[in-house]
Amino acid sequence: MSHDLRITKGNETKERILVASMTIIAEEGIEGLSAKKIADLLGISKSNIFHHFGSVDSILDTIFEHILVDLVEPVKTYQGKDLEGFFLFLGESIYSLSDEERLSYSVLFHFYNTCLHNEKYRDYLLKAKHEIVDAIATQLSHYSTQEKERLFKISEMIIMTLDGYGLHSLLESDVVTFKEIWTLQIKAWQSLLK
């Protein structure tokens, strides 16, 4: 087996471990994740898991970092022409989810639940919150002349609202209703940013 093929297969195995871990977390919560459950789900040995990730905590760290990048990067790189378009983009990122994105949101909400009694995950989530709030405030500054401090407060309101929408979109998939409610929310935010 060539060196490149081993690297490719190793990367595929790492990805399978991450997806299996996220599936377990989505069903059982973070506390339900174990090397044995991952190994059983994938039909591989626990030593194979530890070869790719030094520990279950390392898997959790990697999952959280992937989720953070998936949340923040699209907001940072958004290049729409107006404020309404940006808000529509944010809404679509919540109520029009692929199965993979729904899995990520479910795992993120398990992180939220765990952070209530685990300082490490609280720090992770606060880091994520600050990064996404900063990314939203930066985008808002392109469309509004409001003071930076006000943009950060409005950005925090937005992220709290997005969290609520995300949770409810996991509970029910009524996209039409979510779009109607989101449109009302957009009007409220636009009036705050005038």
N, C-alpha and C. Protein backbone atom coordinates (compact mmCIF):
# COMPACT_ATOMS: atom_id res chain seq x y z
N MET A 1 0.85 -1.17 0.00
CA MET A 1 0.00 0.00 0.00
C MET A 1 0.90 1.24 0.00
N SER A 2 0.62 2.13 -0.88
CA SER A 2 1.45 3.34 -0.96
C SER A 2 1.18 4.26 0.22
N HIS A 3 2.16 5.12 0.46
CA HIS A 3 2.07 6.08 1.57
C HIS A 3 0.83 6.97 1.42
N ASP A 4 0.57 7.48 0.19
CA ASP A 4 -0.58 8.35 -0.04
C ASP A 4 -1.90 7.64 0.23
N LEU A 5 -2.00 6.37 -0.15
CA LEU A 5 -3.22 5.61 0.08
C LEU A 5 -3.45 5.39 1.58
N ARG A 6 -2.38 5.16 2.33
CA ARG A 6 -2.51 4.99 3.78
C ARG A 6 -3.00 6.29 4.42
N ILE A 7 -2.48 7.41 3.96
CA ILE A 7 -2.92 8.71 4.49
C ILE A 7 -4.39 8.93 4.16
N THR A 8 -4.78 8.62 2.93
CA THR A 8 -6.18 8.78 2.52
C THR A 8 -7.09 7.90 3.37
N LYS A 9 -6.72 6.63 3.54
CA LYS A 9 -7.53 5.71 4.34
C LYS A 9 -7.57 6.16 5.80
N GLY A 10 -6.45 6.66 6.31
CA GLY A 10 -6.41 7.17 7.68
C GLY A 10 -7.34 8.35 7.86
N ASN A 11 -7.33 9.26 6.91
CA ASN A 11 -8.23 10.43 6.97
C ASN A 11 -9.69 10.02 6.88
N GLU A 12 -9.97 9.01 6.03
CA GLU A 12 -11.34 8.50 5.93
C GLU A 12 -11.79 7.88 7.25
N THR A 13 -10.89 7.14 7.89
CA THR A 13 -11.21 6.52 9.18
C THR A 13 -11.46 7.60 10.23
N LYS A 14 -10.62 8.62 10.26
CA LYS A 14 -10.82 9.72 11.21
C LYS A 14 -12.19 10.37 11.01
N GLU A 15 -12.56 10.59 9.76
CA GLU A 15 -13.85 11.21 9.45
C GLU A 15 -14.99 10.29 9.90
N ARG A 16 -14.85 9.00 9.66
CA ARG A 16 -15.88 8.04 10.09
C ARG A 16 -16.02 8.05 11.61
N ILE A 17 -14.90 8.15 12.31
CA ILE A 17 -14.92 8.20 13.78
C ILE A 17 -15.66 9.45 14.25
N LEU A 18 -15.40 10.58 13.61
CA LEU A 18 -16.07 11.83 13.99
C LEU A 18 -17.58 11.74 13.74
N VAL A 19 -17.97 11.23 12.59
CA VAL A 19 -19.40 11.13 12.27
C VAL A 19 -20.09 10.16 13.22
N ALA A 20 -19.45 9.03 13.49
CA ALA A 20 -20.03 8.06 14.43
C ALA A 20 -20.16 8.68 15.81
N SER A 21 -19.16 9.43 16.22
CA SER A 21 -19.20 10.09 17.53
C SER A 21 -20.33 11.09 17.59
N MET A 22 -20.50 11.86 16.53
CA MET A 22 -21.58 12.85 16.50
C MET A 22 -22.94 12.15 16.54
N THR A 23 -23.06 11.03 15.87
CA THR A 23 -24.31 10.27 15.89
C THR A 23 -24.63 9.79 17.30
N ILE A 24 -23.62 9.29 17.99
CA ILE A 24 -23.82 8.82 19.36
C ILE A 24 -24.20 10.00 20.26
N ILE A 25 -23.49 11.12 20.12
CA ILE A 25 -23.80 12.30 20.94
C ILE A 25 -25.23 12.77 20.68
N ALA A 26 -25.63 12.81 19.42
CA ALA A 26 -26.97 13.26 19.07
C ALA A 26 -28.04 12.38 19.72
N GLU A 27 -27.75 11.10 19.86
CA GLU A 27 -28.73 10.16 20.43
C GLU A 27 -28.64 10.05 21.95
N GLU A 28 -27.41 10.15 22.51
CA GLU A 28 -27.22 9.85 23.93
C GLU A 28 -26.60 10.99 24.74
N GLY A 29 -26.21 12.06 24.08
CA GLY A 29 -25.54 13.14 24.78
C GLY A 29 -24.04 12.87 24.87
N ILE A 30 -23.31 13.88 25.31
CA ILE A 30 -21.85 13.77 25.39
C ILE A 30 -21.44 12.67 26.37
N GLU A 31 -22.17 12.56 27.48
CA GLU A 31 -21.83 11.55 28.48
C GLU A 31 -21.98 10.13 27.93
N GLY A 32 -22.77 9.96 26.88
CA GLY A 32 -22.97 8.64 26.28
C GLY A 32 -21.86 8.20 25.35
N LEU A 33 -20.94 9.10 25.04
CA LEU A 33 -19.86 8.79 24.09
C LEU A 33 -18.75 7.99 24.78
N SER A 34 -18.36 6.89 24.16
CA SER A 34 -17.23 6.11 24.65
C SER A 34 -16.53 5.48 23.45
N ALA A 35 -15.27 5.11 23.66
CA ALA A 35 -14.50 4.47 22.59
C ALA A 35 -15.16 3.14 22.20
N LYS A 36 -15.69 2.43 23.17
CA LYS A 36 -16.34 1.15 22.88
C LYS A 36 -17.55 1.36 21.97
N LYS A 37 -18.38 2.36 22.28
CA LYS A 37 -19.56 2.61 21.44
C LYS A 37 -19.17 3.02 20.03
N ILE A 38 -18.14 3.83 19.91
CA ILE A 38 -17.67 4.24 18.58
C ILE A 38 -17.17 3.01 17.83
N ALA A 39 -16.34 2.22 18.49
CA ALA A 39 -15.77 1.01 17.87
C ALA A 39 -16.88 0.05 17.44
N ASP A 40 -17.85 -0.16 18.31
CA ASP A 40 -18.96 -1.06 17.98
C ASP A 40 -19.76 -0.55 16.79
N LEU A 41 -20.03 0.75 16.77
CA LEU A 41 -20.80 1.33 15.68
C LEU A 41 -20.08 1.20 14.34
N LEU A 42 -18.75 1.36 14.36
CA LEU A 42 -17.97 1.33 13.12
C LEU A 42 -17.43 -0.06 12.78
N GLY A 43 -17.47 -0.96 13.74
CA GLY A 43 -16.90 -2.30 13.50
C GLY A 43 -15.38 -2.27 13.43
N ILE A 44 -14.76 -1.41 14.25
CA ILE A 44 -13.31 -1.32 14.31
C ILE A 44 -12.88 -1.49 15.77
N SER A 45 -11.59 -1.62 15.98
CA SER A 45 -11.08 -1.78 17.35
C SER A 45 -10.95 -0.43 18.05
N LYS A 46 -11.00 -0.48 19.39
CA LYS A 46 -10.79 0.75 20.16
C LYS A 46 -9.37 1.27 19.92
N SER A 47 -8.40 0.36 19.74
CA SER A 47 -7.03 0.82 19.52
C SER A 47 -6.93 1.62 18.21
N ASN A 48 -7.75 1.29 17.23
CA ASN A 48 -7.78 2.05 15.97
C ASN A 48 -8.28 3.48 16.25
N ILE A 49 -9.25 3.60 17.12
CA ILE A 49 -9.77 4.93 17.48
C ILE A 49 -8.67 5.73 18.17
N PHE A 50 -7.98 5.09 19.12
CA PHE A 50 -6.93 5.80 19.86
C PHE A 50 -5.69 6.06 19.02
N HIS A 51 -5.53 5.30 17.93
CA HIS A 51 -4.45 5.59 16.99
C HIS A 51 -4.69 6.94 16.31
N HIS A 52 -5.94 7.20 15.98
CA HIS A 52 -6.29 8.44 15.27
C HIS A 52 -6.55 9.62 16.20
N PHE A 53 -7.07 9.32 17.37
CA PHE A 53 -7.35 10.34 18.38
C PHE A 53 -6.82 9.81 19.70
N GLY A 54 -6.06 10.58 20.40
CA GLY A 54 -5.44 10.11 21.63
C GLY A 54 -6.43 9.76 22.73
N SER A 55 -7.63 10.34 22.66
CA SER A 55 -8.62 10.12 23.71
C SER A 55 -10.00 10.50 23.19
N VAL A 56 -11.01 10.13 23.96
CA VAL A 56 -12.37 10.54 23.62
C VAL A 56 -12.48 12.07 23.74
N ASP A 57 -11.78 12.65 24.71
CA ASP A 57 -11.77 14.12 24.83
C ASP A 57 -11.21 14.77 23.57
N SER A 58 -10.21 14.16 22.98
CA SER A 58 -9.64 14.69 21.74
C SER A 58 -10.67 14.66 20.61
N ILE A 59 -11.48 13.61 20.58
CA ILE A 59 -12.55 13.52 19.59
C ILE A 59 -13.54 14.66 19.82
N LEU A 60 -13.92 14.87 21.07
CA LEU A 60 -14.87 15.94 21.39
C LEU A 60 -14.30 17.30 21.02
N ASP A 61 -13.02 17.52 21.30
CA ASP A 61 -12.38 18.79 20.93
C ASP A 61 -12.45 19.01 19.42
N THR A 62 -12.16 17.96 18.67
CA THR A 62 -12.17 18.06 17.21
C THR A 62 -13.57 18.33 16.69
N ILE A 63 -14.56 17.63 17.25
CA ILE A 63 -15.95 17.84 16.83
C ILE A 63 -16.35 19.29 17.08
N PHE A 64 -16.04 19.78 18.27
CA PHE A 64 -16.45 21.14 18.59
C PHE A 64 -15.77 22.15 17.67
N GLU A 65 -14.50 21.96 17.39
CA GLU A 65 -13.79 22.87 16.49
C GLU A 65 -14.40 22.84 15.09
N HIS A 66 -14.78 21.65 14.61
CA HIS A 66 -15.43 21.56 13.29
C HIS A 66 -16.76 22.31 13.28
N ILE A 67 -17.54 22.12 14.34
CA ILE A 67 -18.83 22.80 14.42
C ILE A 67 -18.63 24.31 14.45
N LEU A 68 -17.66 24.76 15.22
CA LEU A 68 -17.38 26.19 15.31
C LEU A 68 -17.02 26.77 13.94
N VAL A 69 -16.15 26.10 13.23
CA VAL A 69 -15.76 26.56 11.89
C VAL A 69 -16.98 26.58 10.97
N ASP A 70 -17.80 25.52 11.04
CA ASP A 70 -19.00 25.46 10.20
C ASP A 70 -19.98 26.57 10.50
N LEU A 71 -20.01 27.04 11.74
CA LEU A 71 -20.91 28.12 12.11
C LEU A 71 -20.36 29.50 11.76
N VAL A 72 -19.09 29.71 12.05
CA VAL A 72 -18.50 31.05 11.95
C VAL A 72 -18.05 31.40 10.53
N GLU A 73 -17.42 30.49 9.84
CA GLU A 73 -16.84 30.83 8.52
C GLU A 73 -17.86 31.35 7.52
N PRO A 74 -19.04 30.74 7.39
CA PRO A 74 -20.00 31.30 6.43
C PRO A 74 -20.41 32.74 6.77
N VAL A 75 -20.51 33.04 8.07
CA VAL A 75 -20.87 34.41 8.47
C VAL A 75 -19.72 35.36 8.15
N LYS A 76 -18.50 34.95 8.46
CA LYS A 76 -17.33 35.80 8.18
C LYS A 76 -17.17 36.10 6.70
N THR A 77 -17.46 35.12 5.87
CA THR A 77 -17.19 35.26 4.44
C THR A 77 -18.40 35.71 3.63
N TYR A 78 -19.53 35.95 4.29
CA TYR A 78 -20.73 36.38 3.58
C TYR A 78 -20.45 37.70 2.85
N GLN A 79 -20.93 37.80 1.59
CA GLN A 79 -20.69 39.01 0.81
C GLN A 79 -21.94 39.48 0.09
N GLY A 80 -23.03 39.59 0.80
CA GLY A 80 -24.27 40.07 0.20
C GLY A 80 -24.26 41.57 0.05
N LYS A 81 -25.28 42.07 -0.66
CA LYS A 81 -25.29 43.50 -0.96
C LYS A 81 -26.11 44.34 0.02
N ASP A 82 -26.98 43.69 0.84
CA ASP A 82 -27.76 44.49 1.76
C ASP A 82 -28.05 43.75 3.06
N LEU A 83 -28.55 44.49 4.04
CA LEU A 83 -28.81 43.96 5.38
C LEU A 83 -29.88 42.87 5.35
N GLU A 84 -30.94 43.10 4.61
CA GLU A 84 -32.00 42.10 4.54
C GLU A 84 -31.47 40.77 4.00
N GLY A 85 -30.62 40.85 2.99
CA GLY A 85 -30.02 39.63 2.44
C GLY A 85 -29.19 38.89 3.47
N PHE A 86 -28.45 39.63 4.29
CA PHE A 86 -27.65 39.01 5.34
C PHE A 86 -28.55 38.31 6.35
N PHE A 87 -29.63 38.97 6.76
CA PHE A 87 -30.56 38.35 7.71
C PHE A 87 -31.24 37.12 7.11
N LEU A 88 -31.61 37.19 5.84
CA LEU A 88 -32.20 36.02 5.18
C LEU A 88 -31.20 34.86 5.16
N PHE A 89 -29.95 35.18 4.89
CA PHE A 89 -28.88 34.18 4.90
C PHE A 89 -28.78 33.51 6.28
N LEU A 90 -28.82 34.33 7.35
CA LEU A 90 -28.76 33.77 8.71
C LEU A 90 -29.94 32.85 8.97
N GLY A 91 -31.12 33.26 8.57
CA GLY A 91 -32.30 32.42 8.76
C GLY A 91 -32.20 31.11 8.02
N GLU A 92 -31.79 31.19 6.77
CA GLU A 92 -31.63 29.96 5.97
C GLU A 92 -30.65 29.00 6.63
N SER A 93 -29.65 29.54 7.32
CA SER A 93 -28.65 28.69 7.96
C SER A 93 -29.23 27.92 9.14
N ILE A 94 -30.43 28.28 9.56
CA ILE A 94 -31.08 27.60 10.68
C ILE A 94 -32.24 26.73 10.23
N TYR A 95 -33.12 27.25 9.40
CA TYR A 95 -34.32 26.48 9.10
C TYR A 95 -34.27 25.69 7.79
N SER A 96 -33.19 25.77 7.07
CA SER A 96 -33.03 24.97 5.85
C SER A 96 -31.77 24.13 5.98
N LEU A 97 -31.82 23.13 6.85
CA LEU A 97 -30.63 22.35 7.17
C LEU A 97 -30.60 21.02 6.44
N SER A 98 -29.41 20.65 6.00
CA SER A 98 -29.20 19.30 5.49
C SER A 98 -29.17 18.34 6.68
N ASP A 99 -29.21 17.04 6.42
CA ASP A 99 -29.14 16.06 7.50
C ASP A 99 -27.84 16.21 8.29
N GLU A 100 -26.75 16.48 7.60
CA GLU A 100 -25.45 16.66 8.26
C GLU A 100 -25.47 17.89 9.16
N GLU A 101 -26.07 18.98 8.68
CA GLU A 101 -26.17 20.19 9.49
C GLU A 101 -27.09 19.99 10.70
N ARG A 102 -28.17 19.23 10.52
CA ARG A 102 -29.06 18.94 11.64
C ARG A 102 -28.30 18.14 12.71
N LEU A 103 -27.47 17.22 12.28
CA LEU A 103 -26.66 16.43 13.21
C LEU A 103 -25.73 17.36 13.99
N SER A 104 -25.08 18.29 13.29
CA SER A 104 -24.17 19.24 13.94
C SER A 104 -24.91 20.09 14.97
N TYR A 105 -26.11 20.59 14.62
CA TYR A 105 -26.88 21.39 15.56
C TYR A 105 -27.29 20.57 16.78
N SER A 106 -27.68 19.34 16.55
CA SER A 106 -28.05 18.48 17.68
C SER A 106 -26.87 18.30 18.62
N VAL A 107 -25.69 18.07 18.07
CA VAL A 107 -24.49 17.92 18.89
C VAL A 107 -24.18 19.23 19.61
N LEU A 108 -24.32 20.34 18.92
CA LEU A 108 -24.07 21.64 19.55
C LEU A 108 -24.99 21.84 20.76
N PHE A 109 -26.25 21.46 20.64
CA PHE A 109 -27.16 21.62 21.76
C PHE A 109 -26.81 20.67 22.91
N HIS A 110 -26.22 19.53 22.61
CA HIS A 110 -25.73 18.67 23.69
C HIS A 110 -24.54 19.33 24.40
N PHE A 111 -23.69 20.03 23.63
CA PHE A 111 -22.62 20.80 24.26
C PHE A 111 -23.22 21.86 25.20
N TYR A 112 -24.28 22.53 24.74
CA TYR A 112 -24.95 23.52 25.58
C TYR A 112 -25.40 22.89 26.89
N ASN A 113 -26.05 21.76 26.79
CA ASN A 113 -26.56 21.08 27.98
C ASN A 113 -25.42 20.69 28.92
N THR A 114 -24.35 20.16 28.36
CA THR A 114 -23.22 19.71 29.17
C THR A 114 -22.51 20.89 29.82
N CYS A 115 -22.49 22.03 29.16
CA CYS A 115 -21.76 23.18 29.70
C CYS A 115 -22.37 23.69 30.99
N LEU A 116 -23.60 23.32 31.27
CA LEU A 116 -24.23 23.76 32.51
C LEU A 116 -23.50 23.21 33.73
N HIS A 117 -22.82 22.07 33.56
CA HIS A 117 -22.12 21.48 34.70
C HIS A 117 -20.68 21.07 34.38
N ASN A 118 -20.16 21.56 33.27
CA ASN A 118 -18.79 21.23 32.89
C ASN A 118 -18.10 22.51 32.40
N GLU A 119 -17.13 22.97 33.16
CA GLU A 119 -16.45 24.23 32.87
C GLU A 119 -15.75 24.22 31.51
N LYS A 120 -15.17 23.08 31.13
CA LYS A 120 -14.46 22.99 29.86
C LYS A 120 -15.40 23.32 28.69
N TYR A 121 -16.58 22.73 28.69
CA TYR A 121 -17.51 22.98 27.59
C TYR A 121 -18.13 24.36 27.68
N ARG A 122 -18.26 24.90 28.87
CA ARG A 122 -18.71 26.28 29.01
C ARG A 122 -17.71 27.21 28.32
N ASP A 123 -16.42 26.96 28.56
CA ASP A 123 -15.39 27.78 27.90
C ASP A 123 -15.46 27.63 26.38
N TYR A 124 -15.67 26.40 25.90
CA TYR A 124 -15.82 26.18 24.46
C TYR A 124 -16.97 27.02 23.90
N LEU A 125 -18.11 26.94 24.57
CA LEU A 125 -19.29 27.63 24.06
C LEU A 125 -19.15 29.14 24.15
N LEU A 126 -18.53 29.63 25.21
CA LEU A 126 -18.32 31.07 25.30
C LEU A 126 -17.36 31.55 24.20
N LYS A 127 -16.36 30.75 23.90
CA LYS A 127 -15.46 31.07 22.80
C LYS A 127 -16.24 31.13 21.49
N ALA A 128 -17.08 30.13 21.27
CA ALA A 128 -17.88 30.08 20.05
C ALA A 128 -18.82 31.28 19.98
N LYS A 129 -19.45 31.60 21.10
CA LYS A 129 -20.37 32.74 21.14
C LYS A 129 -19.64 34.02 20.77
N HIS A 130 -18.48 34.24 21.36
CA HIS A 130 -17.73 35.48 21.08
C HIS A 130 -17.31 35.55 19.61
N GLU A 131 -16.90 34.42 19.05
CA GLU A 131 -16.49 34.43 17.64
C GLU A 131 -17.66 34.71 16.71
N ILE A 132 -18.81 34.09 16.98
CA ILE A 132 -19.95 34.31 16.09
C ILE A 132 -20.52 35.70 16.27
N VAL A 133 -20.56 36.20 17.51
CA VAL A 133 -21.05 37.57 17.75
C VAL A 133 -20.14 38.56 17.03
N ASP A 134 -18.84 38.35 17.11
CA ASP A 134 -17.90 39.23 16.43
C ASP A 134 -18.11 39.18 14.91
N ALA A 135 -18.30 37.98 14.37
CA ALA A 135 -18.52 37.85 12.93
C ALA A 135 -19.80 38.54 12.49
N ILE A 136 -20.87 38.40 13.27
CA ILE A 136 -22.14 39.06 12.94
C ILE A 136 -21.99 40.58 13.05
N ALA A 137 -21.36 41.05 14.13
CA ALA A 137 -21.17 42.50 14.30
C ALA A 137 -20.35 43.09 13.16
N THR A 138 -19.34 42.36 12.72
CA THR A 138 -18.53 42.82 11.59
C THR A 138 -19.39 42.95 10.33
N GLN A 139 -20.24 41.95 10.09
CA GLN A 139 -21.13 42.02 8.93
C GLN A 139 -22.11 43.19 9.07
N LEU A 140 -22.67 43.36 10.26
CA LEU A 140 -23.63 44.45 10.46
C LEU A 140 -22.98 45.81 10.22
N SER A 141 -21.70 45.94 10.55
CA SER A 141 -21.00 47.21 10.36
C SER A 141 -20.92 47.60 8.88
N HIS A 142 -21.06 46.63 7.99
CA HIS A 142 -21.07 46.93 6.55
C HIS A 142 -22.37 47.57 6.09
N TYR A 143 -23.43 47.37 6.89
CA TYR A 143 -24.76 47.82 6.48
C TYR A 143 -25.35 48.88 7.40
N SER A 144 -24.69 49.20 8.49
CA SER A 144 -25.26 50.12 9.48
C SER A 144 -24.18 51.08 9.98
N THR A 145 -24.62 52.27 10.32
CA THR A 145 -23.69 53.26 10.87
C THR A 145 -23.77 53.33 12.40
N GLN A 146 -24.45 52.38 13.01
CA GLN A 146 -24.57 52.34 14.47
C GLN A 146 -23.19 52.17 15.10
N GLU A 147 -23.08 52.60 16.36
CA GLU A 147 -21.82 52.44 17.12
C GLU A 147 -21.49 50.96 17.25
N LYS A 148 -20.20 50.69 17.33
CA LYS A 148 -19.73 49.31 17.43
C LYS A 148 -20.34 48.58 18.63
N GLU A 149 -20.41 49.27 19.78
CA GLU A 149 -20.96 48.66 20.99
C GLU A 149 -22.41 48.22 20.78
N ARG A 150 -23.19 49.06 20.11
CA ARG A 150 -24.60 48.71 19.82
C ARG A 150 -24.67 47.54 18.85
N LEU A 151 -23.77 47.51 17.87
CA LEU A 151 -23.76 46.39 16.92
C LEU A 151 -23.46 45.07 17.63
N PHE A 152 -22.58 45.11 18.63
CA PHE A 152 -22.29 43.89 19.40
C PHE A 152 -23.50 43.45 20.21
N LYS A 153 -24.22 44.40 20.79
CA LYS A 153 -25.42 44.03 21.56
C LYS A 153 -26.49 43.44 20.65
N ILE A 154 -26.68 44.05 19.51
CA ILE A 154 -27.66 43.52 18.55
C ILE A 154 -27.20 42.15 18.05
N SER A 155 -25.91 41.98 17.85
CA SER A 155 -25.38 40.69 17.42
C SER A 155 -25.63 39.61 18.47
N GLU A 156 -25.51 39.98 19.74
CA GLU A 156 -25.82 39.01 20.81
C GLU A 156 -27.30 38.65 20.78
N MET A 157 -28.16 39.63 20.54
CA MET A 157 -29.60 39.34 20.41
C MET A 157 -29.82 38.36 19.26
N ILE A 158 -29.12 38.60 18.16
CA ILE A 158 -29.28 37.74 16.97
C ILE A 158 -28.85 36.32 17.29
N ILE A 159 -27.70 36.16 17.93
CA ILE A 159 -27.22 34.80 18.20
C ILE A 159 -28.15 34.08 19.17
N MET A 160 -28.70 34.79 20.14
CA MET A 160 -29.65 34.16 21.06
C MET A 160 -30.91 33.72 20.32
N THR A 161 -31.35 34.56 19.39
CA THR A 161 -32.53 34.21 18.59
C THR A 161 -32.23 33.02 17.68
N LEU A 162 -31.04 33.02 17.07
CA LEU A 162 -30.66 31.90 16.22
C LEU A 162 -30.60 30.60 17.01
N ASP A 163 -30.10 30.68 18.24
CA ASP A 163 -30.06 29.48 19.09
C ASP A 163 -31.47 28.93 19.30
N GLY A 164 -32.40 29.82 19.60
CA GLY A 164 -33.78 29.39 19.79
C GLY A 164 -34.38 28.79 18.53
N TYR A 165 -34.13 29.44 17.40
CA TYR A 165 -34.62 28.90 16.13
C TYR A 165 -33.99 27.54 15.85
N GLY A 166 -32.70 27.42 16.13
CA GLY A 166 -32.03 26.14 15.90
C GLY A 166 -32.64 25.02 16.71
N LEU A 167 -32.90 25.30 17.98
CA LEU A 167 -33.52 24.29 18.84
C LEU A 167 -34.90 23.91 18.32
N HIS A 168 -35.70 24.91 17.98
CA HIS A 168 -37.05 24.62 17.51
C HIS A 168 -37.04 23.93 16.14
N SER A 169 -36.06 24.25 15.31
CA SER A 169 -36.02 23.58 14.01
C SER A 169 -35.65 22.10 14.16
N LEU A 170 -34.97 21.75 15.26
CA LEU A 170 -34.70 20.33 15.53
C LEU A 170 -35.96 19.62 16.01
N LEU A 171 -36.84 20.37 16.68
CA LEU A 171 -38.08 19.78 17.20
C LEU A 171 -39.14 19.60 16.13
N GLU A 172 -39.22 20.57 15.23
CA GLU A 172 -40.22 20.51 14.17
C GLU A 172 -39.65 21.17 12.91
N SER A 173 -40.06 20.68 11.79
CA SER A 173 -39.48 21.16 10.54
C SER A 173 -40.49 21.95 9.71
N ASP A 174 -41.17 22.88 10.32
CA ASP A 174 -42.16 23.69 9.63
C ASP A 174 -41.48 24.91 9.02
N VAL A 175 -40.83 24.71 7.90
CA VAL A 175 -40.02 25.75 7.26
C VAL A 175 -40.87 26.97 6.91
N VAL A 176 -42.09 26.76 6.46
CA VAL A 176 -42.95 27.89 6.07
C VAL A 176 -43.19 28.81 7.26
N THR A 177 -43.54 28.24 8.40
CA THR A 177 -43.77 29.05 9.59
C THR A 177 -42.49 29.73 10.05
N PHE A 178 -41.37 29.00 10.03
CA PHE A 178 -40.10 29.61 10.43
C PHE A 178 -39.76 30.80 9.54
N LYS A 179 -39.98 30.68 8.24
CA LYS A 179 -39.70 31.79 7.33
C LYS A 179 -40.58 33.00 7.64
N GLU A 180 -41.85 32.76 7.94
CA GLU A 180 -42.76 33.86 8.27
C GLU A 180 -42.30 34.56 9.55
N ILE A 181 -41.98 33.80 10.56
CA ILE A 181 -41.53 34.38 11.83
C ILE A 181 -40.21 35.10 11.64
N TRP A 182 -39.31 34.49 10.87
CA TRP A 182 -38.01 35.10 10.63
C TRP A 182 -38.16 36.44 9.91
N THR A 183 -39.08 36.53 8.97
CA THR A 183 -39.33 37.78 8.25
C THR A 183 -39.75 38.88 9.22
N LEU A 184 -40.61 38.55 10.18
CA LEU A 184 -40.99 39.52 11.20
C LEU A 184 -39.78 39.95 12.03
N GLN A 185 -38.93 38.99 12.35
CA GLN A 185 -37.74 39.28 13.15
C GLN A 185 -36.79 40.19 12.38
N ILE A 186 -36.66 39.96 11.09
CA ILE A 186 -35.79 40.79 10.25
C ILE A 186 -36.23 42.25 10.32
N LYS A 187 -37.52 42.47 10.24
CA LYS A 187 -38.03 43.86 10.28
C LYS A 187 -37.66 44.52 11.61
N ALA A 188 -37.75 43.76 12.69
CA ALA A 188 -37.41 44.32 14.01
C ALA A 188 -35.93 44.68 14.06
N TRP A 189 -35.08 43.81 13.58
CA TRP A 189 -33.64 44.11 13.60
C TRP A 189 -33.29 45.27 12.68
N GLN A 190 -33.92 45.33 11.53
CA GLN A 190 -33.65 46.43 10.62
C GLN A 190 -34.00 47.77 11.27
N SER A 191 -35.09 47.80 12.02
CA SER A 191 -35.46 49.06 12.68
C SER A 191 -34.45 49.43 13.76
N LEU A 192 -33.86 48.43 14.42
CA LEU A 192 -32.83 48.71 15.43
C LEU A 192 -31.53 49.24 14.81
N LEU A 193 -31.30 48.90 13.57
CA LEU A 193 -30.04 49.25 12.92
C LEU A 193 -30.11 50.50 12.08
N LYS A 194 -31.26 51.16 12.03
CA LYS A 194 -31.40 52.39 11.23
C LYS A 194 -30.61 53.51 11.86
